[in-house]
Amino acid sequence: MKNTLRALITLLALSSTVYAAGTTGAGGGNLLLTMFIGFFALIVVFQLVPAVLLFIGMVKGLTGKETKEAKSSH
């Protein structure tokens, strides 16, 4: 019984190592994938900056807050 239990534990320990080692070969494209996702994240961020500035300007225009230049030109 002890030998069977030891053999089972050894078999499970070795098979988990084999399964863990099988995934390391598939990770070769991680850098390229990260750069691909990062590139599109940069595009989104660079598009958000002008959009936020335009939104702030639109809200200022709708709320009626005028600048000193706009008041002096009337």
PDB file of N, CA and C in Angstrom:
ATOM      1  N   MET A   1       0.824  -1.200   0.000  1.00  0.00           N
ATOM      2  CA  MET A   1       0.000   0.000   0.000  1.00  0.00           C
ATOM      3  C   MET A   1       0.865   1.260   0.000  1.00  0.00           C
ATOM      4  N   LYS A   2       1.941   1.262   0.801  1.00  0.00           N
ATOM      5  CA  LYS A   2       2.829   2.418   0.867  1.00  0.00           C
ATOM      6  C   LYS A   2       3.519   2.633  -0.480  1.00  0.00           C
ATOM      7  N   ASN A   3       3.926   1.548  -1.112  1.00  0.00           N
ATOM      8  CA  ASN A   3       4.601   1.675  -2.405  1.00  0.00           C
ATOM      9  C   ASN A   3       3.646   2.223  -3.467  1.00  0.00           C
ATOM     10  N   THR A   4       2.405   1.803  -3.424  1.00  0.00           N
ATOM     11  CA  THR A   4       1.429   2.298  -4.386  1.00  0.00           C
ATOM     12  C   THR A   4       1.175   3.786  -4.173  1.00  0.00           C
ATOM     13  N   LEU A   5       1.067   4.192  -2.926  1.00  0.00           N
ATOM     14  CA  LEU A   5       0.855   5.603  -2.604  1.00  0.00           C
ATOM     15  C   LEU A   5       2.056   6.445  -3.027  1.00  0.00           C
ATOM     16  N   ARG A   6       3.265   5.950  -2.778  1.00  0.00           N
ATOM     17  CA  ARG A   6       4.465   6.674  -3.191  1.00  0.00           C
ATOM     18  C   ARG A   6       4.532   6.790  -4.712  1.00  0.00           C
ATOM     19  N   ALA A   7       4.187   5.707  -5.398  1.00  0.00           N
ATOM     20  CA  ALA A   7       4.219   5.724  -6.861  1.00  0.00           C
ATOM     21  C   ALA A   7       3.194   6.708  -7.409  1.00  0.00           C
ATOM     22  N   LEU A   8       2.032   6.755  -6.791  1.00  0.00           N
ATOM     23  CA  LEU A   8       0.990   7.688  -7.230  1.00  0.00           C
ATOM     24  C   LEU A   8       1.407   9.141  -6.996  1.00  0.00           C
ATOM     25  N   ILE A   9       1.993   9.428  -5.848  1.00  0.00           N
ATOM     26  CA  ILE A   9       2.455  10.786  -5.546  1.00  0.00           C
ATOM     27  C   ILE A   9       3.578  11.185  -6.496  1.00  0.00           C
ATOM     28  N   THR A  10       4.498  10.262  -6.760  1.00  0.00           N
ATOM     29  CA  THR A  10       5.592  10.550  -7.693  1.00  0.00           C
ATOM     30  C   THR A  10       5.056  10.794  -9.094  1.00  0.00           C
ATOM     31  N   LEU A  11       4.109   9.992  -9.526  1.00  0.00           N
ATOM     32  CA  LEU A  11       3.523  10.160 -10.849  1.00  0.00           C
ATOM     33  C   LEU A  11       2.808  11.501 -10.971  1.00  0.00           C
ATOM     34  N   LEU A  12       2.057  11.889  -9.958  1.00  0.00           N
ATOM     35  CA  LEU A  12       1.369  13.182  -9.986  1.00  0.00           C
ATOM     36  C   LEU A  12       2.346  14.350  -9.958  1.00  0.00           C
ATOM     37  N   ALA A  13       3.410  14.218  -9.179  1.00  0.00           N
ATOM     38  CA  ALA A  13       4.403  15.291  -9.104  1.00  0.00           C
ATOM     39  C   ALA A  13       5.120  15.452 -10.431  1.00  0.00           C
ATOM     40  N   LEU A  14       5.463  14.368 -11.099  1.00  0.00           N
ATOM     41  CA  LEU A  14       6.162  14.449 -12.374  1.00  0.00           C
ATOM     42  C   LEU A  14       5.242  14.927 -13.488  1.00  0.00           C
ATOM     43  N   SER A  15       3.996  14.513 -13.465  1.00  0.00           N
ATOM     44  CA  SER A  15       3.093  14.934 -14.535  1.00  0.00           C
ATOM     45  C   SER A  15       2.761  16.420 -14.428  1.00  0.00           C
ATOM     46  N   SER A  16       2.706  16.969 -13.225  1.00  0.00           N
ATOM     47  CA  SER A  16       2.444  18.403 -13.102  1.00  0.00           C
ATOM     48  C   SER A  16       3.634  19.206 -13.612  1.00  0.00           C
ATOM     49  N   THR A  17       4.850  18.679 -13.451  1.00  0.00           N
ATOM     50  CA  THR A  17       6.025  19.350 -13.979  1.00  0.00           C
ATOM     51  C   THR A  17       6.011  19.326 -15.497  1.00  0.00           C
ATOM     52  N   VAL A  18       5.581  18.226 -16.077  1.00  0.00           N
ATOM     53  CA  VAL A  18       5.522  18.114 -17.523  1.00  0.00           C
ATOM     54  C   VAL A  18       4.490  19.078 -18.083  1.00  0.00           C
ATOM     55  N   TYR A  19       3.342  19.183 -17.442  1.00  0.00           N
ATOM     56  CA  TYR A  19       2.322  20.110 -17.916  1.00  0.00           C
ATOM     57  C   TYR A  19       2.801  21.557 -17.796  1.00  0.00           C
ATOM     58  N   ALA A  20       3.511  21.871 -16.742  1.00  0.00           N
ATOM     59  CA  ALA A  20       4.004  23.234 -16.562  1.00  0.00           C
ATOM     60  C   ALA A  20       5.075  23.563 -17.593  1.00  0.00           C
ATOM     61  N   ALA A  21       5.890  22.587 -17.963  1.00  0.00           N
ATOM     62  CA  ALA A  21       6.956  22.842 -18.920  1.00  0.00           C
ATOM     63  C   ALA A  21       6.406  22.964 -20.337  1.00  0.00           C
ATOM     64  N   GLY A  22       5.241  22.414 -20.615  1.00  0.00           N
ATOM     65  CA  GLY A  22       4.699  22.468 -21.959  1.00  0.00           C
ATOM     66  C   GLY A  22       4.247  23.850 -22.372  1.00  0.00           C
ATOM     67  N   THR A  23       3.928  24.733 -21.443  1.00  0.00           N
ATOM     68  CA  THR A  23       3.434  26.064 -21.791  1.00  0.00           C
ATOM     69  C   THR A  23       4.549  27.069 -22.005  1.00  0.00           C
ATOM     70  N   THR A  24       5.781  26.761 -21.627  1.00  0.00           N
ATOM     71  CA  THR A  24       6.856  27.738 -21.769  1.00  0.00           C
ATOM     72  C   THR A  24       7.249  27.935 -23.227  1.00  0.00           C
ATOM     73  N   GLY A  25       7.092  26.959 -24.074  1.00  0.00           N
ATOM     74  CA  GLY A  25       7.463  27.093 -25.472  1.00  0.00           C
ATOM     75  C   GLY A  25       6.496  27.958 -26.257  1.00  0.00           C
ATOM     76  N   ALA A  26       5.270  28.109 -25.792  1.00  0.00           N
ATOM     77  CA  ALA A  26       4.261  28.871 -26.517  1.00  0.00           C
ATOM     78  C   ALA A  26       4.318  30.356 -26.195  1.00  0.00           C
ATOM     79  N   GLY A  27       5.179  30.788 -25.313  1.00  0.00           N
ATOM     80  CA  GLY A  27       5.220  32.183 -24.905  1.00  0.00           C
ATOM     81  C   GLY A  27       6.148  33.052 -25.720  1.00  0.00           C
ATOM     82  N   GLY A  28       6.542  32.644 -26.910  1.00  0.00           N
ATOM     83  CA  GLY A  28       7.485  33.402 -27.704  1.00  0.00           C
ATOM     84  C   GLY A  28       6.917  34.693 -28.260  1.00  0.00           C
ATOM     85  N   GLY A  29       5.617  34.796 -28.450  1.00  0.00           N
ATOM     86  CA  GLY A  29       5.022  35.980 -29.046  1.00  0.00           C
ATOM     87  C   GLY A  29       4.515  36.996 -28.038  1.00  0.00           C
ATOM     88  N   ASN A  30       4.881  36.867 -26.801  1.00  0.00           N
ATOM     89  CA  ASN A  30       4.352  37.778 -25.786  1.00  0.00           C
ATOM     90  C   ASN A  30       4.826  39.207 -25.985  1.00  0.00           C
ATOM     91  N   LEU A  31       6.062  39.418 -26.390  1.00  0.00           N
ATOM     92  CA  LEU A  31       6.570  40.767 -26.589  1.00  0.00           C
ATOM     93  C   LEU A  31       5.842  41.437 -27.746  1.00  0.00           C
ATOM     94  N   LEU A  32       5.666  40.714 -28.836  1.00  0.00           N
ATOM     95  CA  LEU A  32       4.972  41.279 -29.993  1.00  0.00           C
ATOM     96  C   LEU A  32       3.518  41.592 -29.659  1.00  0.00           C
ATOM     97  N   LEU A  33       2.865  40.712 -28.926  1.00  0.00           N
ATOM     98  CA  LEU A  33       1.480  40.953 -28.530  1.00  0.00           C
ATOM     99  C   LEU A  33       1.373  42.160 -27.607  1.00  0.00           C
ATOM    100  N   THR A  34       2.305  42.298 -26.690  1.00  0.00           N
ATOM    101  CA  THR A  34       2.302  43.434 -25.778  1.00  0.00           C
ATOM    102  C   THR A  34       2.524  44.743 -26.540  1.00  0.00           C
ATOM    103  N   MET A  35       3.432  44.723 -27.502  1.00  0.00           N
ATOM    104  CA  MET A  35       3.669  45.928 -28.303  1.00  0.00           C
ATOM    105  C   MET A  35       2.447  46.273 -29.155  1.00  0.00           C
ATOM    106  N   PHE A  36       1.762  45.276 -29.675  1.00  0.00           N
ATOM    107  CA  PHE A  36       0.568  45.479 -30.483  1.00  0.00           C
ATOM    108  C   PHE A  36      -0.540  46.123 -29.658  1.00  0.00           C
ATOM    109  N   ILE A  37      -0.787  45.599 -28.482  1.00  0.00           N
ATOM    110  CA  ILE A  37      -1.827  46.148 -27.607  1.00  0.00           C
ATOM    111  C   ILE A  37      -1.413  47.536 -27.106  1.00  0.00           C
ATOM    112  N   GLY A  38      -0.136  47.717 -26.794  1.00  0.00           N
ATOM    113  CA  GLY A  38       0.346  49.009 -26.335  1.00  0.00           C
ATOM    114  C   GLY A  38       0.221  50.085 -27.401  1.00  0.00           C
ATOM    115  N   PHE A  39       0.446  49.720 -28.667  1.00  0.00           N
ATOM    116  CA  PHE A  39       0.321  50.675 -29.766  1.00  0.00           C
ATOM    117  C   PHE A  39      -1.108  51.185 -29.865  1.00  0.00           C
ATOM    118  N   PHE A  40      -2.072  50.299 -29.791  1.00  0.00           N
ATOM    119  CA  PHE A  40      -3.461  50.728 -29.877  1.00  0.00           C
ATOM    120  C   PHE A  40      -3.911  51.457 -28.619  1.00  0.00           C
ATOM    121  N   ALA A  41      -3.326  51.138 -27.475  1.00  0.00           N
ATOM    122  CA  ALA A  41      -3.628  51.897 -26.266  1.00  0.00           C
ATOM    123  C   ALA A  41      -3.115  53.330 -26.391  1.00  0.00           C
ATOM    124  N   LEU A  42      -1.941  53.507 -27.010  1.00  0.00           N
ATOM    125  CA  LEU A  42      -1.424  54.855 -27.223  1.00  0.00           C
ATOM    126  C   LEU A  42      -2.308  55.645 -28.178  1.00  0.00           C
ATOM    127  N   ILE A  43      -2.818  54.999 -29.204  1.00  0.00           N
ATOM    128  CA  ILE A  43      -3.726  55.679 -30.128  1.00  0.00           C
ATOM    129  C   ILE A  43      -4.963  56.172 -29.384  1.00  0.00           C
ATOM    130  N   VAL A  44      -5.520  55.335 -28.530  1.00  0.00           N
ATOM    131  CA  VAL A  44      -6.721  55.719 -27.777  1.00  0.00           C
ATOM    132  C   VAL A  44      -6.413  56.892 -26.844  1.00  0.00           C
ATOM    133  N   VAL A  45      -5.284  56.835 -26.156  1.00  0.00           N
ATOM    134  CA  VAL A  45      -4.927  57.912 -25.228  1.00  0.00           C
ATOM    135  C   VAL A  45      -4.716  59.220 -25.976  1.00  0.00           C
ATOM    136  N   PHE A  46      -4.011  59.169 -27.106  1.00  0.00           N
ATOM    137  CA  PHE A  46      -3.765  60.398 -27.867  1.00  0.00           C
ATOM    138  C   PHE A  46      -5.040  60.954 -28.482  1.00  0.00           C
ATOM    139  N   GLN A  47      -6.038  60.151 -28.688  1.00  0.00           N
ATOM    140  CA  GLN A  47      -7.319  60.647 -29.184  1.00  0.00           C
ATOM    141  C   GLN A  47      -8.181  61.187 -28.050  1.00  0.00           C
ATOM    142  N   LEU A  48      -7.964  60.716 -26.842  1.00  0.00           N
ATOM    143  CA  LEU A  48      -8.754  61.188 -25.706  1.00  0.00           C
ATOM    144  C   LEU A  48      -8.366  62.604 -25.278  1.00  0.00           C
ATOM    145  N   VAL A  49      -7.110  62.973 -25.420  1.00  0.00           N
ATOM    146  CA  VAL A  49      -6.659  64.295 -24.972  1.00  0.00           C
ATOM    147  C   VAL A  49      -7.395  65.409 -25.719  1.00  0.00           C
ATOM    148  N   PRO A  50      -7.410  65.433 -27.064  1.00  0.00           N
ATOM    149  CA  PRO A  50      -8.168  66.503 -27.727  1.00  0.00           C
ATOM    150  C   PRO A  50      -9.672  66.407 -27.488  1.00  0.00           C
ATOM    151  N   ALA A  51     -10.174  65.199 -27.346  1.00  0.00           N
ATOM    152  CA  ALA A  51     -11.608  65.038 -27.104  1.00  0.00           C
ATOM    153  C   ALA A  51     -12.002  65.653 -25.768  1.00  0.00           C
ATOM    154  N   VAL A  52     -11.182  65.460 -24.744  1.00  0.00           N
ATOM    155  CA  VAL A  52     -11.476  66.037 -23.429  1.00  0.00           C
ATOM    156  C   VAL A  52     -11.375  67.555 -23.492  1.00  0.00           C
ATOM    157  N   LEU A  53     -10.375  68.074 -24.202  1.00  0.00           N
ATOM    158  CA  LEU A  53     -10.248  69.529 -24.326  1.00  0.00           C
ATOM    159  C   LEU A  53     -11.444  70.133 -25.054  1.00  0.00           C
ATOM    160  N   LEU A  54     -11.898  69.488 -26.114  1.00  0.00           N
ATOM    161  CA  LEU A  54     -13.082  69.971 -26.814  1.00  0.00           C
ATOM    162  C   LEU A  54     -14.327  69.897 -25.947  1.00  0.00           C
ATOM    163  N   PHE A  55     -14.446  68.839 -25.163  1.00  0.00           N
ATOM    164  CA  PHE A  55     -15.604  68.686 -24.278  1.00  0.00           C
ATOM    165  C   PHE A  55     -15.626  69.779 -23.219  1.00  0.00           C
ATOM    166  N   ILE A  56     -14.458  70.091 -22.661  1.00  0.00           N
ATOM    167  CA  ILE A  56     -14.383  71.151 -21.652  1.00  0.00           C
ATOM    168  C   ILE A  56     -14.774  72.488 -22.278  1.00  0.00           C
ATOM    169  N   GLY A  57     -14.283  72.751 -23.492  1.00  0.00           N
ATOM    170  CA  GLY A  57     -14.653  73.987 -24.174  1.00  0.00           C
ATOM    171  C   GLY A  57     -16.135  74.058 -24.479  1.00  0.00           C
ATOM    172  N   MET A  58     -16.716  72.939 -24.837  1.00  0.00           N
ATOM    173  CA  MET A  58     -18.146  72.898 -25.130  1.00  0.00           C
ATOM    174  C   MET A  58     -18.974  73.148 -23.871  1.00  0.00           C
ATOM    175  N   VAL A  59     -18.557  72.572 -22.765  1.00  0.00           N
ATOM    176  CA  VAL A  59     -19.273  72.780 -21.503  1.00  0.00           C
ATOM    177  C   VAL A  59     -19.157  74.231 -21.064  1.00  0.00           C
ATOM    178  N   LYS A  60     -17.982  74.827 -21.232  1.00  0.00           N
ATOM    179  CA  LYS A  60     -17.825  76.246 -20.886  1.00  0.00           C
ATOM    180  C   LYS A  60     -18.719  77.113 -21.762  1.00  0.00           C
ATOM    181  N   GLY A  61     -18.841  76.763 -23.044  1.00  0.00           N
ATOM    182  CA  GLY A  61     -19.700  77.522 -23.938  1.00  0.00           C
ATOM    183  C   GLY A  61     -21.171  77.367 -23.595  1.00  0.00           C
ATOM    184  N   LEU A  62     -21.571  76.202 -23.163  1.00  0.00           N
ATOM    185  CA  LEU A  62     -22.975  75.978 -22.825  1.00  0.00           C
ATOM    186  C   LEU A  62     -23.367  76.613 -21.493  1.00  0.00           C
ATOM    187  N   THR A  63     -22.426  76.689 -20.568  1.00  0.00           N
ATOM    188  CA  THR A  63     -22.765  77.255 -19.263  1.00  0.00           C
ATOM    189  C   THR A  63     -22.727  78.772 -19.272  1.00  0.00           C
ATOM    190  N   GLY A  64     -22.237  79.393 -20.344  1.00  0.00           N
ATOM    191  CA  GLY A  64     -22.271  80.844 -20.448  1.00  0.00           C
ATOM    192  C   GLY A  64     -21.095  81.538 -19.812  1.00  0.00           C
ATOM    193  N   LYS A  65     -20.072  80.816 -19.408  1.00  0.00           N
ATOM    194  CA  LYS A  65     -18.899  81.465 -18.844  1.00  0.00           C
ATOM    195  C   LYS A  65     -18.106  82.068 -19.990  1.00  0.00           C
ATOM    196  N   GLU A  66     -17.973  83.379 -19.987  1.00  0.00           N
ATOM    197  CA  GLU A  66     -17.241  84.058 -21.039  1.00  0.00           C
ATOM    198  C   GLU A  66     -15.873  84.486 -20.527  1.00  0.00           C
ATOM    199  N   THR A  67     -14.943  84.555 -21.429  1.00  0.00           N
ATOM    200  CA  THR A  67     -13.616  85.040 -21.040  1.00  0.00           C
ATOM    201  C   THR A  67     -13.584  86.554 -21.155  1.00  0.00           C
ATOM    202  N   LYS A  68     -12.526  87.175 -20.667  1.00  0.00           N
ATOM    203  CA  LYS A  68     -12.405  88.630 -20.712  1.00  0.00           C
ATOM    204  C   LYS A  68     -12.317  89.126 -22.151  1.00  0.00           C
ATOM    205  N   GLU A  69     -11.676  88.361 -23.023  1.00  0.00           N
ATOM    206  CA  GLU A  69     -11.561  88.766 -24.438  1.00  0.00           C
ATOM    207  C   GLU A  69     -12.925  88.805 -25.102  1.00  0.00           C
ATOM    208  N   ALA A  70     -13.767  87.855 -24.798  1.00  0.00           N
ATOM    209  CA  ALA A  70     -15.098  87.816 -25.410  1.00  0.00           C
ATOM    210  C   ALA A  70     -15.955  88.981 -24.916  1.00  0.00           C
ATOM    211  N   LYS A  71     -15.823  89.371 -23.665  1.00  0.00           N
ATOM    212  CA  LYS A  71     -16.593  90.477 -23.119  1.00  0.00           C
ATOM    213  C   LYS A  71     -16.143  91.811 -23.718  1.00  0.00           C
ATOM    214  N   SER A  72     -14.843  91.974 -23.937  1.00  0.00           N
ATOM    215  CA  SER A  72     -14.334  93.253 -24.437  1.00  0.00           C
ATOM    216  C   SER A  72     -14.628  93.443 -25.918  1.00  0.00           C
ATOM    217  N   SER A  73     -14.872  92.384 -26.656  1.00  0.00           N
ATOM    218  CA  SER A  73     -15.122  92.515 -28.080  1.00  0.00           C
ATOM    219  C   SER A  73     -16.578  92.910 -28.364  1.00  0.00           C
ATOM    220  N   HIS A  74     -17.471  92.830 -27.384  1.00  0.00           N
ATOM    221  CA  HIS A  74     -18.892  93.186 -27.616  1.00  0.00           C
ATOM    222  C   HIS A  74     -19.054  94.635 -27.691  1.00  0.00           C
TER     223      HIS A  74
END
